[in-house]
Amino acid sequence: MKWFLLVSFTILLHSSLQSCVSKRGVTTCTENALPRSGPMRIENYQNLVEFTPGHLRIIPSGIFRLLTELKILFLSSNEISTVEIGAFDGLYNLEKLSLYANKLETIPAGVFRDLRSLKELNLGMNQIASISEDAFAGLLQLEVLNLGFNQLSTVPEALKMLRTLKVLSIKNNQLKKILPHSFGTLGSLEILNLSDNGITEVQNKAFKGLIKVEELDLKSNYLAKLNIQDILEDLRELKTLKLAVNSFSCNNLKEIDNVLKRKRITLASGYYNKPGSKTYNGMVCTV
């Protein structure tokens, strides 16, 4: 019986090791399912571990807890719909995590609790419609967060604890309005991308607290008006504003541009030059 168990364990360990190959600083794994029997064992793994695009569906709790020196983990382009609480436990030194292009619909609390060194998190191109208020607890050094190409209808409350965040993308979601104080205490944020949503209204004090934002991208929405004075009161370091492909009148765009010029802020040009169309600086507008 002992011999049988030893052989079974050896076969299991061997197969796990065989599915991952290290070459030129990258460990590539070809798993189609991650075991629940215990944490993965990868011999001589590199700083970067990537799982090839495939059919991973679940990231079990504690699956990576033996990879304590790992710096970068790519789980992109799979079919992941469930990330269990504690899935990334033990990855104390991880700096970059990508779950891009999967099938996540929600992010629960506790998923990222051990990722105290994480600087970049890519959750883009999923189906995320809800994020727990404590989902980002433990991300004490996060600087870049991609939530683009998801199904978010409001700015998540969970963002408010990310005090070190510098770059945030919520482009191509389902946002309709940006409410007052939507971004809480993101006092380190420098770039905010809200493009390609369905935004019709930016309410006063929507960007309150964003004292370091230099670039705000609102292009490809349905905005017809914007209280630029209110925005500038809060975005005191703003250098570039992007408003192309909205519903502004040409006069409104000109007024906004004049205010920005007095502050030496750039209103980014559009690229539309179809003959006969009404435009202002390459941006389509109404009369």
Protein backbone atom coordinates (compact mmCIF):
# COMPACT_ATOMS: atom_id res chain seq x y z
CA MET A 1 0.00 0.00 0.00
CA LYS A 2 2.84 2.40 0.90
CA TRP A 3 4.56 1.52 -2.37
CA PHE A 4 1.36 2.27 -4.30
CA LEU A 5 0.94 5.66 -2.63
CA LEU A 6 4.59 6.54 -3.28
CA VAL A 7 4.31 5.62 -6.96
CA SER A 8 1.05 7.58 -7.30
CA PHE A 9 2.64 10.66 -5.71
CA THR A 10 5.72 10.34 -7.95
CA ILE A 11 3.57 10.11 -11.08
CA LEU A 12 1.49 13.11 -9.99
CA LEU A 13 4.59 15.18 -9.21
CA HIS A 14 6.31 14.13 -12.43
CA SER A 15 3.30 15.03 -14.58
CA SER A 16 3.05 18.43 -12.88
CA LEU A 17 6.69 19.17 -13.55
CA GLN A 18 6.46 17.95 -17.14
CA SER A 19 3.69 20.47 -17.94
CA CYS A 20 6.00 23.43 -17.25
CA VAL A 21 9.16 24.24 -19.20
CA SER A 22 11.66 26.99 -18.37
CA LYS A 23 13.52 28.79 -21.13
CA ARG A 24 15.19 32.21 -21.41
CA GLY A 25 13.87 33.52 -18.12
CA VAL A 26 10.28 32.36 -18.65
CA THR A 27 8.51 29.29 -17.29
CA THR A 28 5.67 28.23 -19.60
CA CYS A 29 2.96 25.88 -18.33
CA THR A 30 0.43 24.05 -20.48
CA GLU A 31 -2.07 22.96 -17.84
CA ASN A 32 -5.74 22.73 -18.89
CA ALA A 33 -6.86 22.35 -15.28
CA LEU A 34 -5.25 23.18 -11.96
CA PRO A 35 -5.38 20.42 -9.31
CA ARG A 36 -7.19 20.74 -5.99
CA SER A 37 -5.00 18.07 -4.42
CA GLY A 38 -2.38 20.59 -3.34
CA PRO A 39 -0.20 23.50 -4.50
CA MET A 40 1.64 23.38 -7.82
CA ARG A 41 5.27 22.33 -7.67
CA ILE A 42 7.41 23.85 -10.40
CA GLU A 43 11.08 22.97 -10.25
CA ASN A 44 13.50 25.83 -10.92
CA TYR A 45 10.74 28.23 -11.95
CA GLN A 46 11.75 31.61 -13.38
CA ASN A 47 10.64 35.10 -12.33
CA LEU A 48 7.90 34.96 -14.98
CA VAL A 49 5.43 32.07 -15.10
CA GLU A 50 2.90 32.02 -17.91
CA PHE A 51 0.07 29.63 -18.67
CA THR A 52 -0.53 29.18 -22.38
CA PRO A 53 -3.95 30.20 -23.74
CA GLY A 54 -6.30 27.28 -23.18
CA HIS A 55 -9.12 26.00 -21.03
CA LEU A 56 -8.30 26.90 -17.44
CA ARG A 57 -11.62 27.55 -15.69
CA ILE A 58 -10.91 27.66 -11.95
CA ILE A 59 -7.99 29.02 -9.92
CA PRO A 60 -8.14 27.00 -6.68
CA SER A 61 -7.27 28.44 -3.29
CA GLY A 62 -3.57 28.13 -2.44
CA ILE A 63 -2.57 26.68 -5.81
CA PHE A 64 0.51 28.93 -6.12
CA ARG A 65 1.58 29.14 -2.48
CA LEU A 66 4.92 27.37 -3.06
CA LEU A 67 6.00 29.91 -5.70
CA THR A 68 6.99 32.50 -3.12
CA GLU A 69 9.71 34.15 -5.25
CA LEU A 70 7.56 34.60 -8.35
CA LYS A 71 7.52 38.14 -9.82
CA ILE A 72 5.16 37.90 -12.81
CA LEU A 73 2.18 35.59 -13.42
CA PHE A 74 0.25 35.49 -16.71
CA LEU A 75 -3.09 33.64 -16.79
CA SER A 76 -4.43 35.47 -19.84
CA SER A 77 -6.64 34.13 -22.65
CA ASN A 78 -8.14 31.17 -20.86
CA GLU A 79 -11.73 30.47 -19.74
CA ILE A 80 -11.32 31.37 -16.07
CA SER A 81 -14.69 32.12 -14.48
CA THR A 82 -13.80 31.42 -10.83
CA VAL A 83 -10.90 32.70 -8.76
CA GLU A 84 -11.27 31.27 -5.28
CA ILE A 85 -10.54 33.24 -2.13
CA GLY A 86 -6.86 32.73 -1.35
CA ALA A 87 -6.04 31.73 -4.94
CA PHE A 88 -2.88 33.83 -4.85
CA ASP A 89 -1.89 33.17 -1.26
CA GLY A 90 1.88 32.93 -0.78
CA LEU A 91 2.77 35.17 -3.73
CA TYR A 92 4.26 37.83 -1.47
CA ASN A 93 6.78 38.99 -4.08
CA LEU A 94 4.50 39.04 -7.12
CA GLU A 95 4.67 42.39 -8.95
CA LYS A 96 2.53 41.78 -12.03
CA LEU A 97 -0.61 39.65 -12.48
CA SER A 98 -2.62 39.29 -15.68
CA LEU A 99 -6.06 37.69 -15.88
CA TYR A 100 -6.77 39.41 -19.19
CA ALA A 101 -9.28 37.86 -21.60
CA ASN A 102 -11.05 35.35 -19.39
CA LYS A 103 -14.67 34.90 -18.24
CA LEU A 104 -14.70 36.51 -14.81
CA GLU A 105 -18.03 38.05 -13.82
CA THR A 106 -17.29 39.10 -10.24
CA ILE A 107 -14.27 39.75 -8.01
CA PRO A 108 -14.86 38.65 -4.39
CA ALA A 109 -13.08 39.89 -1.28
CA GLY A 110 -9.94 38.00 -0.28
CA VAL A 111 -8.76 37.02 -3.74
CA PHE A 112 -5.68 39.28 -3.70
CA ARG A 113 -5.07 39.39 0.06
CA ASP A 114 -1.40 38.23 -0.02
CA LEU A 115 -0.28 40.33 -3.00
CA ARG A 116 1.36 43.06 -0.95
CA SER A 117 4.08 43.70 -3.58
CA LEU A 118 1.77 43.76 -6.62
CA LYS A 119 2.24 46.84 -8.81
CA GLU A 120 0.23 45.94 -11.92
CA LEU A 121 -3.09 44.08 -12.19
CA ASN A 122 -4.77 43.38 -15.53
CA LEU A 123 -8.44 42.34 -15.33
CA GLY A 124 -9.35 43.64 -18.77
CA MET A 125 -11.47 41.82 -21.37
CA ASN A 126 -13.59 39.82 -18.96
CA GLN A 127 -17.30 40.03 -18.10
CA ILE A 128 -16.91 41.69 -14.71
CA ALA A 129 -20.14 43.35 -13.57
CA SER A 130 -19.49 43.51 -9.82
CA ILE A 131 -16.48 43.92 -7.55
CA SER A 132 -16.67 43.38 -3.80
CA GLU A 133 -15.97 46.49 -1.76
CA ASP A 134 -12.97 44.71 -0.17
CA ALA A 135 -11.79 42.95 -3.33
CA PHE A 136 -8.56 44.95 -3.50
CA ALA A 137 -7.69 44.64 0.19
CA GLY A 138 -4.00 43.82 0.57
CA LEU A 139 -2.87 45.57 -2.62
CA LEU A 140 -0.69 48.05 -0.77
CA GLN A 141 1.58 48.97 -3.69
CA LEU A 142 -0.69 48.71 -6.74
CA GLU A 143 0.12 51.34 -9.37
CA VAL A 144 -1.61 50.14 -12.56
CA LEU A 145 -5.12 48.65 -12.81
CA ASN A 146 -6.85 47.69 -16.05
CA LEU A 147 -10.61 47.11 -15.80
CA GLY A 148 -11.25 47.87 -19.47
CA PHE A 149 -13.66 45.88 -21.65
CA ASN A 150 -15.92 44.64 -18.85
CA GLN A 151 -19.55 45.17 -17.81
CA LEU A 152 -19.25 47.67 -14.95
CA SER A 153 -22.19 50.09 -14.75
CA THR A 154 -20.80 52.17 -11.87
CA VAL A 155 -17.34 53.12 -10.66
CA PRO A 156 -16.52 50.39 -8.09
CA GLU A 157 -16.37 51.41 -4.43
CA ALA A 158 -13.43 49.01 -4.11
CA LEU A 159 -11.16 51.50 -5.88
CA LYS A 160 -11.20 53.87 -2.95
CA MET A 161 -8.64 51.85 -0.97
CA LEU A 162 -6.02 51.94 -3.75
CA ARG A 163 -4.09 54.93 -2.47
CA THR A 164 -0.94 54.15 -4.48
CA LEU A 165 -2.72 53.75 -7.85
CA LYS A 166 -1.24 55.83 -10.68
CA VAL A 167 -2.96 54.49 -13.82
CA LEU A 168 -6.60 53.38 -14.00
CA SER A 169 -8.53 52.25 -17.07
CA ILE A 170 -12.28 51.59 -16.97
CA LYS A 171 -12.65 52.06 -20.72
CA ASN A 172 -15.28 50.18 -22.69
CA ASN A 173 -17.66 49.33 -19.85
CA GLN A 174 -21.29 50.31 -19.21
CA LEU A 175 -20.82 53.56 -17.28
CA LYS A 176 -23.61 56.12 -17.77
CA LYS A 177 -22.94 58.79 -15.14
CA ILE A 178 -19.91 59.78 -13.12
CA LEU A 179 -21.25 60.70 -9.69
CA PRO A 180 -19.71 63.08 -7.13
CA HIS A 181 -16.67 61.71 -5.28
CA SER A 182 -16.61 58.58 -7.47
CA PHE A 183 -12.89 58.07 -7.00
CA GLY A 184 -12.56 58.68 -3.28
CA THR A 185 -9.00 58.96 -2.11
CA LEU A 186 -7.03 58.08 -5.25
CA GLY A 187 -4.63 60.88 -4.48
CA SER A 188 -1.75 59.30 -6.42
CA LEU A 189 -3.66 58.75 -9.67
CA GLU A 190 -2.04 60.33 -12.75
CA ILE A 191 -3.91 58.81 -15.71
CA LEU A 192 -7.66 58.07 -15.81
CA ASN A 193 -9.26 56.44 -18.86
CA LEU A 194 -13.08 56.43 -19.03
CA SER A 195 -13.36 56.29 -22.82
CA ASP A 196 -15.76 54.15 -24.86
CA ASN A 197 -18.54 53.97 -22.28
CA GLY A 198 -22.07 55.39 -22.48
CA ILE A 199 -21.38 58.39 -20.26
CA THR A 200 -23.99 61.14 -20.67
CA GLU A 201 -23.21 63.13 -17.53
CA VAL A 202 -20.23 64.04 -15.39
CA GLN A 203 -21.66 65.50 -12.20
CA ASN A 204 -19.99 68.25 -10.19
CA LYS A 205 -17.18 67.04 -7.94
CA ALA A 206 -17.01 63.74 -9.83
CA PHE A 207 -13.21 63.94 -9.73
CA LYS A 208 -12.84 65.36 -6.24
CA GLY A 209 -9.63 64.13 -4.62
CA LEU A 210 -7.75 63.43 -7.85
CA ILE A 211 -5.10 66.01 -7.11
CA LYS A 212 -2.37 64.47 -9.32
CA VAL A 213 -4.28 63.46 -12.46
CA GLU A 214 -2.46 64.72 -15.57
CA GLU A 215 -4.50 62.96 -18.27
CA LEU A 216 -8.27 62.43 -18.39
CA ASP A 217 -9.74 60.44 -21.29
CA LEU A 218 -13.49 60.88 -21.87
CA LYS A 219 -13.56 60.27 -25.61
CA SER A 220 -16.17 58.07 -27.32
CA ASN A 221 -19.05 58.74 -24.93
CA TYR A 222 -22.33 60.69 -25.19
CA LEU A 223 -21.40 63.91 -23.44
CA ALA A 224 -23.14 67.06 -24.66
CA LYS A 225 -21.96 69.37 -21.88
CA LEU A 226 -19.21 69.54 -19.32
CA ASN A 227 -18.64 71.86 -16.38
CA ILE A 228 -15.01 72.46 -17.20
CA GLN A 229 -14.51 74.97 -14.38
CA ASP A 230 -15.62 72.41 -11.80
CA ILE A 231 -13.33 69.78 -13.28
CA LEU A 232 -10.33 72.09 -13.23
CA GLU A 233 -10.94 72.99 -9.60
CA ASP A 234 -10.31 69.36 -8.71
CA LEU A 235 -7.85 68.26 -11.41
CA ARG A 236 -5.23 70.87 -10.61
CA GLU A 237 -2.39 69.02 -12.36
CA LEU A 238 -4.35 68.27 -15.56
CA LYS A 239 -2.25 68.51 -18.71
CA THR A 240 -4.35 66.66 -21.33
CA LEU A 241 -8.11 66.24 -21.78
CA LYS A 242 -9.57 63.94 -24.46
CA LEU A 243 -13.15 64.61 -25.60
CA ALA A 244 -13.35 63.41 -29.22
CA VAL A 245 -16.40 61.43 -30.41
CA ASN A 246 -19.02 62.83 -28.05
CA SER A 247 -22.16 64.94 -28.58
CA PHE A 248 -20.77 68.43 -27.98
CA SER A 249 -21.73 71.45 -30.04
CA CYS A 250 -18.88 73.12 -31.89
CA ASN A 251 -19.34 76.25 -29.76
CA ASN A 252 -19.16 74.20 -26.58
CA LEU A 253 -15.91 72.57 -27.64
CA LYS A 254 -14.47 75.96 -28.54
CA GLU A 255 -15.43 77.37 -25.13
CA ILE A 256 -13.88 74.40 -23.35
CA ASP A 257 -10.72 74.71 -25.43
CA ASN A 258 -10.40 78.43 -24.66
CA VAL A 259 -10.63 77.76 -20.92
CA LEU A 260 -8.03 75.02 -21.19
CA LYS A 261 -5.65 77.16 -23.23
CA ARG A 262 -5.65 79.81 -20.53
CA LYS A 263 -4.49 77.11 -18.13
CA ARG A 264 -1.98 75.73 -20.68
CA ILE A 265 -3.89 72.45 -20.84
CA THR A 266 -4.14 70.51 -24.11
CA LEU A 267 -7.50 69.51 -25.56
CA ALA A 268 -6.47 66.50 -27.63
CA SER A 269 -7.29 66.72 -31.34
CA GLY A 270 -9.65 64.35 -33.09
CA TYR A 271 -8.87 62.56 -36.33
CA TYR A 272 -12.10 63.08 -38.27
CA ASN A 273 -11.68 64.98 -41.53
CA LYS A 274 -14.55 63.80 -43.73
CA PRO A 275 -15.54 66.62 -46.13
CA GLY A 276 -18.81 68.32 -45.25
CA SER A 277 -18.82 67.32 -41.58
CA LYS A 278 -18.86 69.90 -38.81
CA THR A 279 -15.71 69.56 -36.76
CA TYR A 280 -13.64 71.45 -34.24
CA ASN A 281 -9.96 70.56 -34.23
CA GLY A 282 -10.73 67.19 -35.80
CA MET A 283 -13.63 66.45 -33.44
CA VAL A 284 -17.11 66.00 -34.89
CA CYS A 285 -19.59 68.44 -33.32
CA THR A 286 -23.06 69.87 -33.84
CA VAL A 287 -23.89 73.40 -34.96
